[in-house]
Amino acid sequence: MSFFVGRNESNQAASQSRNVKQTEVKSLTHELWDWTKSILVALLVVILVHQFGFNLSTVRGHSMDPTLQEGEWLFVNKAITYFKSPKRGEIVILKETEEYAFTHHPFLVKRVVAVGGDEVKGRGGALYVNGEKVDEPYTDSPIEDGDFGPMQIGEGRVFVMGDNRHAAASADSRRFGEVPASLIQGRAEYVLWPFSMAADL
């Protein structure tokens, strides 16, 4: 009788041990799945924020001197393009397409100087919008490439220029004309890096 009791106790102990191991495996699997879900959700949030919210952009070239210097990091507000139309004076990031291949760079950073309904022209080294001379404290030179325009800007389009007005320093709307506002990927709002140059735009 004691033999069977001992055997039953042994079987029960083995069964309990298996149950404990199965529980541990299930617990580990559940924990791994929770971690996987958390990582996937975090990645999705990052992708959505990058695509539709905010991102960083690096300045390439010198077309926006002296406002922006090559190598600076810009904080770009992409979300605002879904709620507001571009305004004169804003610095924006433009995306090139097959139809609008301006400089063979995927993205351009320029300043909006005229919007739909405006008339823009350059005369005597100065910029005029709707017949009025524009005060441009962000430039360090008059327009050296000669006169242009007048040009009437269509609705839903913008005329962009680089802040560098020295001769042949910026490929912009003086060269490729007005562009659809839909090509604007975001508004540059801050210089983040280097810290010594950090500033609002």
Protein backbone atom coordinates (compact mmCIF):
# COMPACT_ATOMS: atom_id res chain seq x y z
CA MET A 1 0.00 0.00 0.00
CA SER A 2 2.78 2.38 0.86
CA PHE A 3 4.38 1.61 -2.52
CA PHE A 4 1.35 2.90 -4.40
CA VAL A 5 1.05 5.94 -2.18
CA GLY A 6 4.67 6.81 -2.81
CA ARG A 7 4.21 6.26 -6.52
CA ASN A 8 1.13 8.50 -6.59
CA GLU A 9 2.97 11.20 -4.71
CA SER A 10 5.84 10.93 -7.18
CA ASN A 11 3.44 11.23 -10.12
CA GLN A 12 1.75 14.23 -8.53
CA ALA A 13 5.11 15.91 -7.95
CA ALA A 14 6.16 15.28 -11.55
CA SER A 15 2.83 16.61 -12.81
CA GLN A 16 3.16 19.73 -10.67
CA SER A 17 6.71 20.23 -11.93
CA ARG A 18 5.52 20.01 -15.54
CA ASN A 19 2.70 22.45 -14.81
CA VAL A 20 5.15 24.90 -13.25
CA LYS A 21 7.44 24.65 -16.27
CA GLN A 22 4.52 25.12 -18.67
CA THR A 23 3.38 28.14 -16.65
CA GLU A 24 6.90 29.59 -16.77
CA VAL A 25 7.08 29.06 -20.54
CA LYS A 26 3.66 30.67 -21.03
CA SER A 27 4.67 33.57 -18.78
CA LEU A 28 7.92 34.10 -20.71
CA THR A 29 6.09 33.89 -24.05
CA HIS A 30 3.48 36.37 -22.84
CA GLU A 31 6.19 38.75 -21.63
CA LEU A 32 8.06 38.52 -24.93
CA TRP A 33 4.85 39.20 -26.84
CA ASP A 34 4.15 42.24 -24.63
CA TRP A 35 7.64 43.57 -25.34
CA THR A 36 7.20 42.93 -29.07
CA LYS A 37 3.88 44.78 -29.11
CA SER A 38 5.39 47.71 -27.21
CA ILE A 39 8.31 47.95 -29.65
CA LEU A 40 5.99 47.74 -32.68
CA VAL A 41 3.71 50.45 -31.27
CA ALA A 42 6.72 52.67 -30.51
CA LEU A 43 8.05 52.19 -34.06
CA LEU A 44 4.64 52.99 -35.51
CA VAL A 45 4.45 56.19 -33.45
CA VAL A 46 7.94 57.22 -34.59
CA ILE A 47 7.05 56.57 -38.24
CA LEU A 48 3.79 58.52 -37.99
CA VAL A 49 5.43 61.45 -36.20
CA HIS A 50 8.25 61.51 -38.76
CA GLN A 51 5.85 61.27 -41.68
CA PHE A 52 3.13 63.64 -40.54
CA GLY A 53 4.39 65.53 -37.50
CA PHE A 54 7.95 66.72 -37.09
CA ASN A 55 11.43 65.80 -38.23
CA LEU A 56 14.96 67.07 -38.56
CA SER A 57 16.52 68.35 -41.76
CA THR A 58 20.16 69.14 -42.48
CA VAL A 59 21.15 72.24 -44.44
CA ARG A 60 23.15 71.47 -47.59
CA GLY A 61 24.82 74.19 -49.61
CA HIS A 62 24.92 77.96 -49.17
CA SER A 63 21.76 79.21 -50.88
CA MET A 64 20.26 80.27 -47.54
CA ASP A 65 23.32 82.15 -46.24
CA PRO A 66 23.51 84.12 -44.01
CA THR A 67 20.33 82.86 -42.29
CA LEU A 68 21.26 79.18 -42.44
CA GLN A 69 24.71 77.65 -42.60
CA GLU A 70 25.69 74.37 -44.21
CA GLY A 71 25.51 71.48 -41.76
CA GLU A 72 22.99 73.05 -39.40
CA TRP A 73 20.12 70.89 -38.17
CA LEU A 74 16.63 72.30 -38.54
CA PHE A 75 13.50 71.39 -36.62
CA VAL A 76 10.81 71.04 -39.28
CA ASN A 77 7.10 71.28 -38.48
CA LYS A 78 5.35 69.04 -41.01
CA ALA A 79 1.96 68.98 -39.28
CA ILE A 80 1.34 72.66 -39.95
CA THR A 81 1.11 72.04 -43.71
CA TYR A 82 -2.17 70.17 -43.12
CA PHE A 83 -3.80 73.12 -41.36
CA LYS A 84 -2.30 76.34 -42.72
CA SER A 85 -1.35 77.73 -46.09
CA PRO A 86 2.23 78.98 -46.54
CA LYS A 87 2.87 82.64 -45.76
CA ARG A 88 5.39 85.15 -47.04
CA GLY A 89 8.60 85.09 -45.07
CA GLU A 90 8.38 81.45 -43.96
CA ILE A 91 11.34 79.13 -44.51
CA VAL A 92 10.08 75.87 -45.98
CA ILE A 93 11.33 72.48 -47.09
CA LEU A 94 10.38 71.60 -50.67
CA LYS A 95 10.38 68.10 -52.10
CA GLU A 96 11.46 67.62 -55.68
CA THR A 97 9.44 65.35 -57.97
CA GLU A 98 9.95 64.05 -61.49
CA GLU A 99 7.84 66.92 -62.79
CA TYR A 100 9.58 69.47 -60.59
CA ALA A 101 13.24 68.46 -60.59
CA PHE A 102 14.88 71.76 -59.78
CA THR A 103 18.40 70.97 -58.68
CA HIS A 104 18.59 67.15 -58.54
CA HIS A 105 18.48 67.24 -54.76
CA PRO A 106 15.55 65.46 -53.09
CA PHE A 107 14.78 68.41 -50.80
CA LEU A 108 15.34 72.17 -50.93
CA VAL A 109 15.18 74.76 -48.18
CA LYS A 110 13.97 78.18 -49.36
CA ARG A 111 12.04 81.21 -48.18
CA VAL A 112 8.52 81.92 -49.43
CA VAL A 113 8.51 85.47 -50.79
CA ALA A 114 5.16 85.46 -52.62
CA VAL A 115 1.98 83.39 -52.50
CA GLY A 116 -1.08 82.85 -54.68
CA GLY A 117 -2.50 86.11 -56.01
CA ASP A 118 0.72 88.10 -55.48
CA GLU A 119 2.74 89.84 -58.15
CA VAL A 120 6.48 89.54 -57.62
CA LYS A 121 9.43 91.14 -59.35
CA GLY A 122 13.04 92.15 -58.83
CA ARG A 123 14.21 95.64 -59.71
CA GLY A 124 17.52 97.31 -59.04
CA GLY A 125 18.64 94.64 -56.60
CA ALA A 126 15.44 94.81 -54.53
CA LEU A 127 12.43 92.52 -54.20
CA TYR A 128 8.94 93.90 -54.84
CA VAL A 129 5.66 92.18 -54.00
CA ASN A 130 2.41 93.76 -55.18
CA GLY A 131 4.31 96.90 -56.14
CA GLU A 132 5.86 97.43 -52.70
CA LYS A 133 9.53 97.05 -51.89
CA VAL A 134 10.06 94.24 -49.38
CA ASP A 135 12.24 94.86 -46.34
CA GLU A 136 14.55 91.83 -46.11
CA PRO A 137 16.77 92.10 -43.01
CA TYR A 138 17.77 88.44 -43.40
CA THR A 139 19.86 89.13 -46.52
CA ASP A 140 23.35 90.62 -46.65
CA SER A 141 23.37 91.62 -50.30
CA PRO A 142 21.08 93.11 -52.93
CA ILE A 143 19.92 90.76 -55.69
CA GLU A 144 22.97 90.44 -57.93
CA ASP A 145 21.46 88.26 -60.67
CA GLY A 146 19.60 91.11 -62.35
CA ASP A 147 15.95 92.03 -62.64
CA PHE A 148 13.17 89.47 -63.02
CA GLY A 149 9.41 89.48 -63.44
CA PRO A 150 6.88 90.76 -62.92
CA MET A 151 5.23 87.39 -62.36
CA GLN A 152 1.68 86.76 -61.18
CA ILE A 153 1.57 83.84 -58.76
CA GLY A 154 -1.25 81.35 -59.30
CA GLU A 155 -3.54 80.17 -56.53
CA GLY A 156 -2.12 77.25 -54.59
CA ARG A 157 1.41 78.13 -55.67
CA VAL A 158 4.37 79.94 -54.13
CA PHE A 159 7.44 81.84 -55.29
CA VAL A 160 10.54 80.91 -53.29
CA MET A 161 14.02 82.38 -53.05
CA GLY A 162 17.21 81.67 -51.17
CA ASP A 163 18.38 84.32 -48.70
CA ASN A 164 21.78 84.35 -50.42
CA ARG A 165 21.29 87.04 -53.07
CA HIS A 166 24.83 87.01 -54.43
CA ALA A 167 25.22 86.14 -58.11
CA ALA A 168 24.40 82.50 -58.97
CA ALA A 169 24.20 81.61 -55.27
CA SER A 170 20.67 80.18 -55.21
CA ALA A 171 18.64 78.05 -57.61
CA ASP A 172 15.10 79.16 -56.84
CA SER A 173 11.87 80.41 -58.42
CA ARG A 174 13.77 82.97 -60.45
CA ARG A 175 15.13 79.95 -62.30
CA PHE A 176 12.35 77.34 -62.14
CA GLY A 177 9.29 79.54 -61.59
CA GLU A 178 6.45 79.26 -59.12
CA VAL A 179 5.90 75.86 -57.51
CA PRO A 180 2.82 74.09 -56.14
CA ALA A 181 2.37 74.63 -52.41
CA SER A 182 1.73 70.88 -52.20
CA LEU A 183 5.49 70.34 -52.62
CA ILE A 184 6.10 71.98 -49.26
CA GLN A 185 6.97 69.25 -46.77
CA GLY A 186 7.14 71.43 -43.70
CA ARG A 187 8.12 74.75 -42.17
CA ALA A 188 11.58 75.16 -40.66
CA GLU A 189 11.04 76.65 -37.20
CA TYR A 190 14.30 76.29 -35.26
CA VAL A 191 18.00 75.77 -35.72
CA LEU A 192 18.81 72.99 -33.26
CA TRP A 193 22.46 72.27 -34.01
CA PRO A 194 25.11 73.40 -33.41
CA PHE A 195 23.94 74.65 -30.03
CA SER A 196 25.95 77.84 -30.46
CA MET A 197 23.74 78.73 -33.45
CA ALA A 198 20.41 77.57 -31.98
CA ALA A 199 17.67 80.07 -32.80
CA ASP A 200 14.07 80.58 -33.83
CA LEU A 201 13.45 81.12 -37.53
